[in-house]
Amino acid sequence: MNYLLKALVAKLKGEVAVSKANIQVYMLNSAGIGEHPGIVEAIETEVEKLANAEEKILVLQQFKI
């Protein structure tokens, strides 16, 4: 795999890790979020980010780019 695409995969994996961490914070410590009015919506946003990054990783792996 090209070094630029390896870097892209590493970036996407980082995005996955960040989204997973944010979801865990929302689930386990929602009091720490403060004045966040829409926790469910915030979790959904993180799930969308996570799914988007994972889908991109899969595409790159499937096409062996």
N, C-alpha and C. Protein backbone atom coordinates (compact mmCIF):
# COMPACT_ATOMS: atom_id res chain seq x y z
N MET A 1 0.85 -1.18 0.00
CA MET A 1 0.00 0.00 0.00
C MET A 1 0.89 1.24 0.00
N ASN A 2 0.54 2.18 -0.78
CA ASN A 2 1.24 3.45 -0.89
C ASN A 2 1.33 4.13 0.48
N TYR A 3 2.45 4.79 0.76
CA TYR A 3 2.64 5.43 2.06
C TYR A 3 1.59 6.52 2.34
N LEU A 4 1.11 7.19 1.31
CA LEU A 4 0.07 8.20 1.52
C LEU A 4 -1.25 7.54 1.94
N LEU A 5 -1.55 6.41 1.33
CA LEU A 5 -2.79 5.72 1.69
C LEU A 5 -2.66 5.06 3.06
N LYS A 6 -1.46 4.62 3.41
CA LYS A 6 -1.23 4.11 4.77
C LYS A 6 -1.47 5.22 5.78
N ALA A 7 -1.02 6.41 5.45
CA ALA A 7 -1.24 7.55 6.34
C ALA A 7 -2.73 7.86 6.47
N LEU A 8 -3.46 7.75 5.36
CA LEU A 8 -4.90 7.98 5.39
C LEU A 8 -5.60 6.96 6.27
N VAL A 9 -5.21 5.70 6.14
CA VAL A 9 -5.82 4.65 6.97
C VAL A 9 -5.51 4.91 8.44
N ALA A 10 -4.29 5.31 8.75
CA ALA A 10 -3.93 5.63 10.13
C ALA A 10 -4.78 6.78 10.66
N LYS A 11 -4.99 7.80 9.84
CA LYS A 11 -5.83 8.94 10.23
C LYS A 11 -7.25 8.49 10.50
N LEU A 12 -7.78 7.66 9.61
CA LEU A 12 -9.16 7.17 9.77
C LEU A 12 -9.29 6.31 11.02
N LYS A 13 -8.29 5.48 11.29
CA LYS A 13 -8.32 4.67 12.51
C LYS A 13 -8.30 5.56 13.75
N GLY A 14 -7.59 6.67 13.67
CA GLY A 14 -7.61 7.63 14.76
C GLY A 14 -8.98 8.24 14.96
N GLU A 15 -9.66 8.54 13.86
CA GLU A 15 -11.02 9.07 13.94
C GLU A 15 -11.97 8.06 14.58
N VAL A 16 -11.78 6.79 14.23
CA VAL A 16 -12.59 5.72 14.84
C VAL A 16 -12.36 5.70 16.35
N ALA A 17 -11.11 5.76 16.75
CA ALA A 17 -10.78 5.72 18.18
C ALA A 17 -11.37 6.91 18.92
N VAL A 18 -11.30 8.09 18.33
CA VAL A 18 -11.86 9.29 18.96
C VAL A 18 -13.37 9.17 19.11
N SER A 19 -14.04 8.71 18.06
CA SER A 19 -15.50 8.57 18.13
C SER A 19 -15.90 7.54 19.18
N LYS A 20 -15.18 6.43 19.24
CA LYS A 20 -15.48 5.41 20.26
C LYS A 20 -15.29 5.98 21.66
N ALA A 21 -14.22 6.74 21.86
CA ALA A 21 -13.97 7.34 23.17
C ALA A 21 -15.08 8.32 23.53
N ASN A 22 -15.49 9.14 22.57
CA ASN A 22 -16.56 10.11 22.83
C ASN A 22 -17.87 9.41 23.19
N ILE A 23 -18.18 8.34 22.48
CA ILE A 23 -19.39 7.58 22.77
C ILE A 23 -19.33 7.01 24.18
N GLN A 24 -18.17 6.48 24.56
CA GLN A 24 -18.03 5.93 25.91
C GLN A 24 -18.23 7.02 26.96
N VAL A 25 -17.70 8.20 26.72
CA VAL A 25 -17.88 9.30 27.67
C VAL A 25 -19.36 9.65 27.79
N TYR A 26 -20.04 9.75 26.65
CA TYR A 26 -21.47 10.05 26.68
C TYR A 26 -22.25 8.98 27.44
N MET A 27 -21.87 7.73 27.24
CA MET A 27 -22.61 6.63 27.86
C MET A 27 -22.32 6.48 29.35
N LEU A 28 -21.07 6.68 29.72
CA LEU A 28 -20.66 6.38 31.09
C LEU A 28 -20.62 7.59 32.02
N ASN A 29 -20.48 8.77 31.45
CA ASN A 29 -20.28 9.94 32.28
C ASN A 29 -20.98 11.16 31.69
N SER A 30 -22.25 11.02 31.41
CA SER A 30 -22.97 12.13 30.76
C SER A 30 -23.03 13.36 31.65
N ALA A 31 -22.86 13.21 32.96
CA ALA A 31 -22.85 14.37 33.86
C ALA A 31 -21.63 15.24 33.59
N GLY A 32 -20.57 14.64 33.08
CA GLY A 32 -19.36 15.39 32.79
C GLY A 32 -19.46 16.23 31.53
N ILE A 33 -20.53 16.09 30.82
CA ILE A 33 -20.71 16.82 29.58
C ILE A 33 -21.21 18.24 29.85
N GLY A 34 -21.82 18.44 30.98
CA GLY A 34 -22.29 19.77 31.34
C GLY A 34 -23.64 20.09 30.74
N GLU A 35 -23.71 21.20 30.09
CA GLU A 35 -24.98 21.71 29.56
C GLU A 35 -25.32 21.14 28.19
N HIS A 36 -24.98 19.92 27.94
CA HIS A 36 -25.24 19.32 26.63
C HIS A 36 -26.70 18.87 26.56
N PRO A 37 -27.52 19.54 25.76
CA PRO A 37 -28.97 19.27 25.77
C PRO A 37 -29.38 18.01 25.02
N GLY A 38 -28.59 17.56 24.06
CA GLY A 38 -29.01 16.43 23.23
C GLY A 38 -27.99 15.31 23.21
N ILE A 39 -27.93 14.56 24.29
CA ILE A 39 -26.93 13.50 24.39
C ILE A 39 -27.16 12.44 23.32
N VAL A 40 -28.41 12.07 23.09
CA VAL A 40 -28.71 11.06 22.07
C VAL A 40 -28.25 11.54 20.70
N GLU A 41 -28.51 12.79 20.40
CA GLU A 41 -28.09 13.34 19.12
C GLU A 41 -26.57 13.39 19.01
N ALA A 42 -25.91 13.70 20.12
CA ALA A 42 -24.46 13.73 20.13
C ALA A 42 -23.88 12.34 19.89
N ILE A 43 -24.50 11.33 20.50
CA ILE A 43 -24.06 9.95 20.28
C ILE A 43 -24.28 9.56 18.82
N GLU A 44 -25.43 9.95 18.27
CA GLU A 44 -25.71 9.63 16.87
C GLU A 44 -24.67 10.28 15.94
N THR A 45 -24.30 11.49 16.24
CA THR A 45 -23.28 12.18 15.44
C THR A 45 -21.96 11.41 15.49
N GLU A 46 -21.58 10.96 16.67
CA GLU A 46 -20.34 10.19 16.80
C GLU A 46 -20.43 8.85 16.07
N VAL A 47 -21.60 8.22 16.11
CA VAL A 47 -21.79 6.96 15.39
C VAL A 47 -21.65 7.19 13.89
N GLU A 48 -22.19 8.29 13.40
CA GLU A 48 -22.06 8.62 11.98
C GLU A 48 -20.59 8.82 11.60
N LYS A 49 -19.85 9.53 12.43
CA LYS A 49 -18.42 9.74 12.17
C LYS A 49 -17.68 8.41 12.16
N LEU A 50 -18.00 7.57 13.14
CA LEU A 50 -17.35 6.26 13.26
C LEU A 50 -17.65 5.39 12.04
N ALA A 51 -18.91 5.34 11.66
CA ALA A 51 -19.31 4.52 10.50
C ALA A 51 -18.66 5.03 9.22
N ASN A 52 -18.59 6.33 9.07
CA ASN A 52 -17.99 6.93 7.88
C ASN A 52 -16.51 6.56 7.79
N ALA A 53 -15.79 6.69 8.88
CA ALA A 53 -14.37 6.37 8.87
C ALA A 53 -14.14 4.87 8.63
N GLU A 54 -14.92 4.03 9.29
CA GLU A 54 -14.76 2.58 9.11
C GLU A 54 -15.10 2.16 7.68
N GLU A 55 -16.10 2.78 7.10
CA GLU A 55 -16.47 2.46 5.72
C GLU A 55 -15.32 2.82 4.75
N LYS A 56 -14.71 3.95 4.98
CA LYS A 56 -13.59 4.35 4.14
C LYS A 56 -12.43 3.37 4.26
N ILE A 57 -12.16 2.94 5.49
CA ILE A 57 -11.08 1.96 5.70
C ILE A 57 -11.39 0.67 4.94
N LEU A 58 -12.64 0.21 5.04
CA LEU A 58 -13.03 -1.02 4.33
C LEU A 58 -12.87 -0.88 2.82
N VAL A 59 -13.25 0.26 2.28
CA VAL A 59 -13.12 0.48 0.84
C VAL A 59 -11.66 0.41 0.44
N LEU A 60 -10.80 1.07 1.19
CA LEU A 60 -9.38 1.03 0.88
C LEU A 60 -8.83 -0.38 0.96
N GLN A 61 -9.28 -1.15 1.95
CA GLN A 61 -8.79 -2.53 2.10
C GLN A 61 -9.35 -3.44 1.00
N GLN A 62 -10.60 -3.27 0.63
CA GLN A 62 -11.22 -4.11 -0.40
C GLN A 62 -10.55 -3.93 -1.75
N PHE A 63 -10.19 -2.72 -2.05
CA PHE A 63 -9.59 -2.45 -3.35
C PHE A 63 -8.07 -2.52 -3.30
N LYS A 64 -7.56 -2.90 -2.12
CA LYS A 64 -6.12 -3.04 -1.91
C LYS A 64 -5.35 -1.81 -2.40
N ILE A 65 -5.95 -0.68 -2.08
CA ILE A 65 -5.34 0.60 -2.47
C ILE A 65 -4.25 0.94 -1.47
